[in-house]
Amino acid sequence: MRSRLYRTALANSKAQIKLRKFNQIVGLVIIGAFIGISLSVPAFRPKTIAPEPLSQTKIETKQVIAEQFPIRPIETKIETPLIYIRKRGQALGYDDPTISRFINVARCESNFNPEAKNPNSTATGIFQIIVGTWDGNRCQGERWDYRDNIDCAYRLLERRGFQPWDASKHCWNK
Protein backbone atom coordinates (compact mmCIF):
# COMPACT_ATOMS: atom_id res chain seq x y z
CA MET A 1 0.00 0.00 0.00
CA ARG A 2 2.84 2.30 0.75
CA SER A 3 4.37 1.96 -2.65
CA ARG A 4 1.10 2.79 -4.32
CA LEU A 5 0.77 6.04 -2.30
CA TYR A 6 4.36 6.88 -3.03
CA ARG A 7 3.86 6.39 -6.78
CA THR A 8 0.71 8.51 -6.72
CA ALA A 9 2.45 11.33 -4.82
CA LEU A 10 5.41 11.17 -7.21
CA ALA A 11 3.14 11.34 -10.24
CA ASN A 12 1.27 14.31 -8.72
CA SER A 13 4.50 16.22 -8.00
CA LYS A 14 5.77 15.61 -11.56
CA ALA A 15 2.48 16.89 -12.92
CA GLN A 16 2.73 19.98 -10.71
CA ILE A 17 6.27 20.70 -11.96
CA LYS A 18 5.14 20.40 -15.60
CA LEU A 19 2.16 22.69 -14.92
CA ARG A 20 4.43 25.26 -13.22
CA LYS A 21 6.84 25.29 -16.21
CA PHE A 22 3.93 25.64 -18.60
CA ASN A 23 2.56 28.61 -16.65
CA GLN A 24 5.98 30.28 -16.66
CA ILE A 25 6.32 29.90 -20.43
CA VAL A 26 2.82 31.28 -21.02
CA GLY A 27 3.60 34.23 -18.72
CA LEU A 28 6.81 35.04 -20.61
CA VAL A 29 4.99 34.88 -23.95
CA ILE A 30 2.31 37.29 -22.70
CA ILE A 31 4.90 39.74 -21.32
CA GLY A 32 6.89 39.60 -24.57
CA ALA A 33 3.75 40.24 -26.63
CA PHE A 34 2.86 43.23 -24.44
CA ILE A 35 6.36 44.74 -24.83
CA GLY A 36 6.30 44.17 -28.59
CA ILE A 37 2.92 45.86 -28.95
CA SER A 38 3.91 48.81 -26.74
CA LEU A 39 7.03 49.45 -28.81
CA SER A 40 5.19 49.27 -32.11
CA VAL A 41 2.37 51.66 -31.17
CA PRO A 42 3.43 55.30 -31.78
CA ALA A 43 1.67 56.53 -28.63
CA PHE A 44 4.13 54.58 -26.45
CA ARG A 45 7.32 55.66 -28.27
CA PRO A 46 9.36 58.45 -26.67
CA LYS A 47 9.25 61.68 -28.63
CA THR A 48 12.56 63.06 -29.86
CA ILE A 49 13.07 66.77 -30.18
CA ALA A 50 15.52 67.91 -32.79
CA PRO A 51 17.84 70.72 -31.70
CA GLU A 52 17.67 74.05 -33.50
CA PRO A 53 20.22 74.58 -36.25
CA LEU A 54 23.22 76.65 -35.12
CA SER A 55 22.36 79.37 -37.62
CA GLN A 56 19.12 80.05 -35.72
CA THR A 57 20.67 79.90 -32.23
CA LYS A 58 21.27 83.25 -30.55
CA ILE A 59 24.44 83.50 -28.49
CA GLU A 60 24.89 86.47 -26.19
CA THR A 61 28.35 87.56 -25.16
CA LYS A 62 29.25 90.09 -22.51
CA GLN A 63 32.60 91.67 -21.90
CA VAL A 64 33.71 91.39 -18.30
CA ILE A 65 36.60 93.36 -16.90
CA ALA A 66 38.20 91.96 -13.78
CA GLU A 67 39.04 94.39 -11.06
CA GLN A 68 42.73 94.43 -10.33
CA PHE A 69 43.93 94.24 -6.77
CA PRO A 70 47.50 94.83 -5.72
CA ILE A 71 49.37 91.62 -5.02
CA ARG A 72 50.87 91.62 -1.56
CA PRO A 73 53.39 89.06 -0.39
CA ILE A 74 52.09 86.65 2.21
CA GLU A 75 53.76 87.21 5.53
CA THR A 76 54.03 84.26 7.82
CA LYS A 77 54.07 84.90 11.52
CA ILE A 78 54.80 81.25 12.23
CA GLU A 79 58.48 80.47 12.46
CA THR A 80 59.60 76.90 12.01
CA PRO A 81 63.09 75.46 12.37
CA LEU A 82 63.31 75.29 8.57
CA ILE A 83 62.44 78.98 8.19
CA TYR A 84 64.85 79.91 10.97
CA ILE A 85 67.71 77.99 9.34
CA ARG A 86 67.13 79.91 6.11
CA LYS A 87 66.70 83.35 7.75
CA ARG A 88 69.71 82.88 10.04
CA GLY A 89 71.90 81.70 7.17
CA GLN A 90 70.92 84.72 5.05
CA ALA A 91 71.59 87.05 7.98
CA LEU A 92 75.07 85.53 8.38
CA GLY A 93 75.77 85.98 4.65
CA TYR A 94 75.70 82.33 3.48
CA ASP A 95 74.73 81.65 -0.12
CA ASP A 96 71.60 79.66 -1.05
CA PRO A 97 73.41 76.40 -1.97
CA THR A 98 75.15 76.34 1.44
CA ILE A 99 71.90 77.10 3.26
CA SER A 100 70.08 74.39 1.27
CA ARG A 101 72.79 71.86 2.15
CA PHE A 102 72.53 72.90 5.80
CA ILE A 103 68.76 72.37 5.66
CA ASN A 104 69.43 68.88 4.30
CA VAL A 105 71.80 68.21 7.21
CA ALA A 106 69.03 69.14 9.68
CA ARG A 107 66.55 66.95 7.81
CA CYS A 108 68.91 63.98 7.98
CA GLU A 109 69.97 64.53 11.59
CA SER A 110 66.55 65.08 13.21
CA ASN A 111 63.91 65.71 10.53
CA PHE A 112 63.67 69.22 12.06
CA ASN A 113 62.61 67.83 15.45
CA PRO A 114 64.07 70.06 18.22
CA GLU A 115 63.43 67.31 20.78
CA ALA A 116 65.34 64.64 18.85
CA LYS A 117 67.77 62.72 21.06
CA ASN A 118 70.25 60.06 20.02
CA PRO A 119 69.83 57.15 22.48
CA ASN A 120 73.51 56.16 22.07
CA SER A 121 75.12 59.55 22.73
CA THR A 122 74.47 63.04 24.07
CA ALA A 123 73.54 64.30 20.57
CA THR A 124 70.45 66.46 20.89
CA GLY A 125 68.26 68.87 18.92
CA ILE A 126 67.87 69.87 15.30
CA PHE A 127 71.55 69.36 14.41
CA GLN A 128 72.25 66.61 16.98
CA ILE A 129 75.04 68.50 18.73
CA ILE A 130 76.81 66.57 21.52
CA VAL A 131 77.52 68.15 24.92
CA GLY A 132 81.30 68.32 24.41
CA THR A 133 80.92 70.13 21.07
CA TRP A 134 78.32 72.50 22.55
CA ASP A 135 80.51 73.41 25.51
CA GLY A 136 83.77 73.43 23.53
CA ASN A 137 82.41 75.99 21.07
CA ARG A 138 80.88 78.11 23.83
CA CYS A 139 77.37 77.78 22.41
CA GLN A 140 74.74 79.70 24.37
CA GLY A 141 71.23 78.71 25.49
CA GLU A 142 69.60 75.30 25.53
CA ARG A 143 70.43 72.48 23.14
CA TRP A 144 66.67 71.64 23.01
CA ASP A 145 65.71 75.15 21.83
CA TYR A 146 65.79 75.04 18.05
CA ARG A 147 67.03 78.64 17.69
CA ASP A 148 69.94 78.04 20.07
CA ASN A 149 70.73 74.70 18.41
CA ILE A 150 70.70 76.28 14.93
CA ASP A 151 72.84 79.22 16.09
CA CYS A 152 75.38 76.77 17.53
CA ALA A 153 75.30 74.74 14.30
CA TYR A 154 76.12 77.87 12.27
CA ARG A 155 79.00 78.57 14.68
CA LEU A 156 80.28 75.04 13.99
CA LEU A 157 79.79 75.50 10.25
CA GLU A 158 81.79 78.72 10.38
CA ARG A 159 84.67 77.10 12.31
CA ARG A 160 84.74 73.53 10.94
CA GLY A 161 82.58 73.44 7.82
CA PHE A 162 80.33 70.39 7.42
CA GLN A 163 82.84 68.08 9.20
CA PRO A 164 80.79 67.72 12.44
CA TRP A 165 78.05 66.02 10.40
CA ASP A 166 80.27 63.64 8.40
CA ALA A 167 78.56 60.61 9.96
CA SER A 168 75.32 61.47 8.11
CA LYS A 169 77.03 62.74 4.94
CA HIS A 170 75.62 59.82 2.93
CA CYS A 171 72.16 61.26 3.57
CA TRP A 172 72.60 65.02 3.06
CA ASN A 173 75.42 65.24 0.50
CA LYS A 174 73.37 64.41 -2.60
C-alpha atoms as a PDB file:
ATOM      1  CA  MET A   1       0.000   0.000   0.000  1.00  0.00           C
ATOM      2  CA  ARG A   2       2.837   2.295   0.753  1.00  0.00           C
ATOM      3  CA  SER A   3       4.367   1.956  -2.651  1.00  0.00           C
ATOM      4  CA  ARG A   4       1.096   2.792  -4.320  1.00  0.00           C
ATOM      5  CA  LEU A   5       0.768   6.035  -2.300  1.00  0.00           C
ATOM      6  CA  TYR A   6       4.364   6.880  -3.032  1.00  0.00           C
ATOM      7  CA  ARG A   7       3.864   6.389  -6.779  1.00  0.00           C
ATOM      8  CA  THR A   8       0.707   8.512  -6.716  1.00  0.00           C
ATOM      9  CA  ALA A   9       2.447  11.334  -4.821  1.00  0.00           C
ATOM     10  CA  LEU A  10       5.410  11.168  -7.207  1.00  0.00           C
ATOM     11  CA  ALA A  11       3.144  11.343 -10.243  1.00  0.00           C
ATOM     12  CA  ASN A  12       1.272  14.307  -8.719  1.00  0.00           C
ATOM     13  CA  SER A  13       4.499  16.225  -8.001  1.00  0.00           C
ATOM     14  CA  LYS A  14       5.771  15.609 -11.561  1.00  0.00           C
ATOM     15  CA  ALA A  15       2.479  16.889 -12.922  1.00  0.00           C
ATOM     16  CA  GLN A  16       2.729  19.977 -10.713  1.00  0.00           C
ATOM     17  CA  ILE A  17       6.266  20.699 -11.963  1.00  0.00           C
ATOM     18  CA  LYS A  18       5.140  20.401 -15.602  1.00  0.00           C
ATOM     19  CA  LEU A  19       2.164  22.685 -14.921  1.00  0.00           C
ATOM     20  CA  ARG A  20       4.428  25.264 -13.217  1.00  0.00           C
ATOM     21  CA  LYS A  21       6.844  25.288 -16.211  1.00  0.00           C
ATOM     22  CA  PHE A  22       3.929  25.640 -18.604  1.00  0.00           C
ATOM     23  CA  ASN A  23       2.558  28.614 -16.648  1.00  0.00           C
ATOM     24  CA  GLN A  24       5.981  30.284 -16.659  1.00  0.00           C
ATOM     25  CA  ILE A  25       6.320  29.904 -20.428  1.00  0.00           C
ATOM     26  CA  VAL A  26       2.823  31.278 -21.025  1.00  0.00           C
ATOM     27  CA  GLY A  27       3.598  34.235 -18.724  1.00  0.00           C
ATOM     28  CA  LEU A  28       6.807  35.043 -20.614  1.00  0.00           C
ATOM     29  CA  VAL A  29       4.990  34.878 -23.954  1.00  0.00           C
ATOM     30  CA  ILE A  30       2.310  37.285 -22.703  1.00  0.00           C
ATOM     31  CA  ILE A  31       4.903  39.739 -21.323  1.00  0.00           C
ATOM     32  CA  GLY A  32       6.886  39.597 -24.567  1.00  0.00           C
ATOM     33  CA  ALA A  33       3.750  40.243 -26.625  1.00  0.00           C
ATOM     34  CA  PHE A  34       2.858  43.225 -24.443  1.00  0.00           C
ATOM     35  CA  ILE A  35       6.358  44.736 -24.827  1.00  0.00           C
ATOM     36  CA  GLY A  36       6.297  44.169 -28.588  1.00  0.00           C
ATOM     37  CA  ILE A  37       2.919  45.863 -28.946  1.00  0.00           C
ATOM     38  CA  SER A  38       3.906  48.808 -26.743  1.00  0.00           C
ATOM     39  CA  LEU A  39       7.026  49.449 -28.806  1.00  0.00           C
ATOM     40  CA  SER A  40       5.190  49.272 -32.115  1.00  0.00           C
ATOM     41  CA  VAL A  41       2.368  51.663 -31.167  1.00  0.00           C
ATOM     42  CA  PRO A  42       3.430  55.297 -31.777  1.00  0.00           C
ATOM     43  CA  ALA A  43       1.666  56.532 -28.626  1.00  0.00           C
ATOM     44  CA  PHE A  44       4.127  54.582 -26.454  1.00  0.00           C
ATOM     45  CA  ARG A  45       7.316  55.658 -28.269  1.00  0.00           C
ATOM     46  CA  PRO A  46       9.357  58.451 -26.667  1.00  0.00           C
ATOM     47  CA  LYS A  47       9.248  61.683 -28.625  1.00  0.00           C
ATOM     48  CA  THR A  48      12.559  63.059 -29.859  1.00  0.00           C
ATOM     49  CA  ILE A  49      13.067  66.767 -30.178  1.00  0.00           C
ATOM     50  CA  ALA A  50      15.518  67.912 -32.787  1.00  0.00           C
ATOM     51  CA  PRO A  51      17.838  70.723 -31.704  1.00  0.00           C
ATOM     52  CA  GLU A  52      17.670  74.049 -33.498  1.00  0.00           C
ATOM     53  CA  PRO A  53      20.225  74.576 -36.250  1.00  0.00           C
ATOM     54  CA  LEU A  54      23.217  76.652 -35.121  1.00  0.00           C
ATOM     55  CA  SER A  55      22.364  79.374 -37.620  1.00  0.00           C
ATOM     56  CA  GLN A  56      19.122  80.049 -35.716  1.00  0.00           C
ATOM     57  CA  THR A  57      20.672  79.900 -32.230  1.00  0.00           C
ATOM     58  CA  LYS A  58      21.269  83.249 -30.552  1.00  0.00           C
ATOM     59  CA  ILE A  59      24.435  83.501 -28.494  1.00  0.00           C
ATOM     60  CA  GLU A  60      24.887  86.466 -26.194  1.00  0.00           C
ATOM     61  CA  THR A  61      28.351  87.562 -25.159  1.00  0.00           C
ATOM     62  CA  LYS A  62      29.252  90.085 -22.507  1.00  0.00           C
ATOM     63  CA  GLN A  63      32.599  91.665 -21.902  1.00  0.00           C
ATOM     64  CA  VAL A  64      33.714  91.388 -18.300  1.00  0.00           C
ATOM     65  CA  ILE A  65      36.603  93.358 -16.902  1.00  0.00           C
ATOM     66  CA  ALA A  66      38.196  91.959 -13.782  1.00  0.00           C
ATOM     67  CA  GLU A  67      39.043  94.386 -11.056  1.00  0.00           C
ATOM     68  CA  GLN A  68      42.734  94.432 -10.330  1.00  0.00           C
ATOM     69  CA  PHE A  69      43.926  94.242  -6.769  1.00  0.00           C
ATOM     70  CA  PRO A  70      47.505  94.834  -5.716  1.00  0.00           C
ATOM     71  CA  ILE A  71      49.371  91.621  -5.021  1.00  0.00           C
ATOM     72  CA  ARG A  72      50.867  91.621  -1.564  1.00  0.00           C
ATOM     73  CA  PRO A  73      53.391  89.056  -0.387  1.00  0.00           C
ATOM     74  CA  ILE A  74      52.092  86.653   2.213  1.00  0.00           C
ATOM     75  CA  GLU A  75      53.762  87.213   5.532  1.00  0.00           C
ATOM     76  CA  THR A  76      54.028  84.259   7.823  1.00  0.00           C
ATOM     77  CA  LYS A  77      54.068  84.905  11.522  1.00  0.00           C
ATOM     78  CA  ILE A  78      54.804  81.247  12.229  1.00  0.00           C
ATOM     79  CA  GLU A  79      58.482  80.475  12.456  1.00  0.00           C
ATOM     80  CA  THR A  80      59.598  76.902  12.012  1.00  0.00           C
ATOM     81  CA  PRO A  81      63.095  75.458  12.365  1.00  0.00           C
ATOM     82  CA  LEU A  82      63.308  75.286   8.569  1.00  0.00           C
ATOM     83  CA  ILE A  83      62.437  78.977   8.193  1.00  0.00           C
ATOM     84  CA  TYR A  84      64.854  79.913  10.975  1.00  0.00           C
ATOM     85  CA  ILE A  85      67.715  77.992   9.343  1.00  0.00           C
ATOM     86  CA  ARG A  86      67.126  79.907   6.105  1.00  0.00           C
ATOM     87  CA  LYS A  87      66.702  83.351   7.752  1.00  0.00           C
ATOM     88  CA  ARG A  88      69.708  82.881  10.039  1.00  0.00           C
ATOM     89  CA  GLY A  89      71.900  81.698   7.166  1.00  0.00           C
ATOM     90  CA  GLN A  90      70.918  84.718   5.050  1.00  0.00           C
ATOM     91  CA  ALA A  91      71.589  87.047   7.984  1.00  0.00           C
ATOM     92  CA  LEU A  92      75.067  85.528   8.384  1.00  0.00           C
ATOM     93  CA  GLY A  93      75.767  85.979   4.654  1.00  0.00           C
ATOM     94  CA  TYR A  94      75.697  82.334   3.481  1.00  0.00           C
ATOM     95  CA  ASP A  95      74.729  81.649  -0.124  1.00  0.00           C
ATOM     96  CA  ASP A  96      71.601  79.659  -1.045  1.00  0.00           C
ATOM     97  CA  PRO A  97      73.412  76.404  -1.975  1.00  0.00           C
ATOM     98  CA  THR A  98      75.145  76.342   1.435  1.00  0.00           C
ATOM     99  CA  ILE A  99      71.896  77.098   3.265  1.00  0.00           C
ATOM    100  CA  SER A 100      70.085  74.389   1.272  1.00  0.00           C
ATOM    101  CA  ARG A 101      72.790  71.862   2.152  1.00  0.00           C
ATOM    102  CA  PHE A 102      72.533  72.904   5.802  1.00  0.00           C
ATOM    103  CA  ILE A 103      68.756  72.373   5.658  1.00  0.00           C
ATOM    104  CA  ASN A 104      69.428  68.876   4.298  1.00  0.00           C
ATOM    105  CA  VAL A 105      71.803  68.211   7.205  1.00  0.00           C
ATOM    106  CA  ALA A 106      69.031  69.139   9.681  1.00  0.00           C
ATOM    107  CA  ARG A 107      66.547  66.951   7.807  1.00  0.00           C
ATOM    108  CA  CYS A 108      68.908  63.976   7.980  1.00  0.00           C
ATOM    109  CA  GLU A 109      69.970  64.529  11.588  1.00  0.00           C
ATOM    110  CA  SER A 110      66.548  65.078  13.215  1.00  0.00           C
ATOM    111  CA  ASN A 111      63.905  65.708  10.534  1.00  0.00           C
ATOM    112  CA  PHE A 112      63.672  69.216  12.063  1.00  0.00           C
ATOM    113  CA  ASN A 113      62.610  67.831  15.451  1.00  0.00           C
ATOM    114  CA  PRO A 114      64.067  70.056  18.221  1.00  0.00           C
ATOM    115  CA  GLU A 115      63.425  67.306  20.776  1.00  0.00           C
ATOM    116  CA  ALA A 116      65.342  64.640  18.850  1.00  0.00           C
ATOM    117  CA  LYS A 117      67.769  62.720  21.064  1.00  0.00           C
ATOM    118  CA  ASN A 118      70.250  60.058  20.021  1.00  0.00           C
ATOM    119  CA  PRO A 119      69.835  57.154  22.480  1.00  0.00           C
ATOM    120  CA  ASN A 120      73.506  56.158  22.067  1.00  0.00           C
ATOM    121  CA  SER A 121      75.123  59.546  22.734  1.00  0.00           C
ATOM    122  CA  THR A 122      74.468  63.044  24.071  1.00  0.00           C
ATOM    123  CA  ALA A 123      73.542  64.297  20.571  1.00  0.00           C
ATOM    124  CA  THR A 124      70.451  66.464  20.892  1.00  0.00           C
ATOM    125  CA  GLY A 125      68.257  68.867  18.919  1.00  0.00           C
ATOM    126  CA  ILE A 126      67.869  69.870  15.297  1.00  0.00           C
ATOM    127  CA  PHE A 127      71.547  69.359  14.408  1.00  0.00           C
ATOM    128  CA  GLN A 128      72.247  66.605  16.980  1.00  0.00           C
ATOM    129  CA  ILE A 129      75.036  68.498  18.725  1.00  0.00           C
ATOM    130  CA  ILE A 130      76.810  66.567  21.519  1.00  0.00           C
ATOM    131  CA  VAL A 131      77.517  68.148  24.917  1.00  0.00           C
ATOM    132  CA  GLY A 132      81.302  68.319  24.410  1.00  0.00           C
ATOM    133  CA  THR A 133      80.917  70.132  21.070  1.00  0.00           C
ATOM    134  CA  TRP A 134      78.318  72.500  22.552  1.00  0.00           C
ATOM    135  CA  ASP A 135      80.512  73.407  25.506  1.00  0.00           C
ATOM    136  CA  GLY A 136      83.773  73.426  23.534  1.00  0.00           C
ATOM    137  CA  ASN A 137      82.411  75.990  21.070  1.00  0.00           C
ATOM    138  CA  ARG A 138      80.877  78.106  23.831  1.00  0.00           C
ATOM    139  CA  CYS A 139      77.374  77.783  22.412  1.00  0.00           C
ATOM    140  CA  GLN A 140      74.738  79.698  24.369  1.00  0.00           C
ATOM    141  CA  GLY A 141      71.231  78.713  25.491  1.00  0.00           C
ATOM    142  CA  GLU A 142      69.599  75.297  25.527  1.00  0.00           C
ATOM    143  CA  ARG A 143      70.426  72.478  23.136  1.00  0.00           C
ATOM    144  CA  TRP A 144      66.667  71.643  23.012  1.00  0.00           C
ATOM    145  CA  ASP A 145      65.708  75.152  21.830  1.00  0.00           C
ATOM    146  CA  TYR A 146      65.788  75.039  18.046  1.00  0.00           C
ATOM    147  CA  ARG A 147      67.031  78.642  17.688  1.00  0.00           C
ATOM    148  CA  ASP A 148      69.938  78.037  20.074  1.00  0.00           C
ATOM    149  CA  ASN A 149      70.726  74.698  18.413  1.00  0.00           C
ATOM    150  CA  ILE A 150      70.703  76.276  14.935  1.00  0.00           C
ATOM    151  CA  ASP A 151      72.838  79.216  16.091  1.00  0.00           C
ATOM    152  CA  CYS A 152      75.379  76.773  17.532  1.00  0.00           C
ATOM    153  CA  ALA A 153      75.300  74.740  14.305  1.00  0.00           C
ATOM    154  CA  TYR A 154      76.118  77.868  12.274  1.00  0.00           C
ATOM    155  CA  ARG A 155      78.997  78.574  14.675  1.00  0.00           C
ATOM    156  CA  LEU A 156      80.275  75.037  13.992  1.00  0.00           C
ATOM    157  CA  LEU A 157      79.785  75.503  10.251  1.00  0.00           C
ATOM    158  CA  GLU A 158      81.792  78.722  10.383  1.00  0.00           C
ATOM    159  CA  ARG A 159      84.668  77.097  12.312  1.00  0.00           C
ATOM    160  CA  ARG A 160      84.742  73.529  10.942  1.00  0.00           C
ATOM    161  CA  GLY A 161      82.577  73.443   7.824  1.00  0.00           C
ATOM    162  CA  PHE A 162      80.335  70.389   7.424  1.00  0.00           C
ATOM    163  CA  GLN A 163      82.841  68.083   9.197  1.00  0.00           C
ATOM    164  CA  PRO A 164      80.786  67.721  12.437  1.00  0.00           C
ATOM    165  CA  TRP A 165      78.054  66.018  10.401  1.00  0.00           C
ATOM    166  CA  ASP A 166      80.270  63.643   8.397  1.00  0.00           C
ATOM    167  CA  ALA A 167      78.563  60.611   9.962  1.00  0.00           C
ATOM    168  CA  SER A 168      75.323  61.472   8.111  1.00  0.00           C
ATOM    169  CA  LYS A 169      77.035  62.736   4.935  1.00  0.00           C
ATOM    170  CA  HIS A 170      75.617  59.819   2.928  1.00  0.00           C
ATOM    171  CA  CYS A 171      72.164  61.263   3.573  1.00  0.00           C
ATOM    172  CA  TRP A 172      72.598  65.018   3.063  1.00  0.00           C
ATOM    173  CA  ASN A 173      75.417  65.237   0.502  1.00  0.00           C
ATOM    174  CA  LYS A 174      73.373  64.412  -2.596  1.00  0.00           C
END
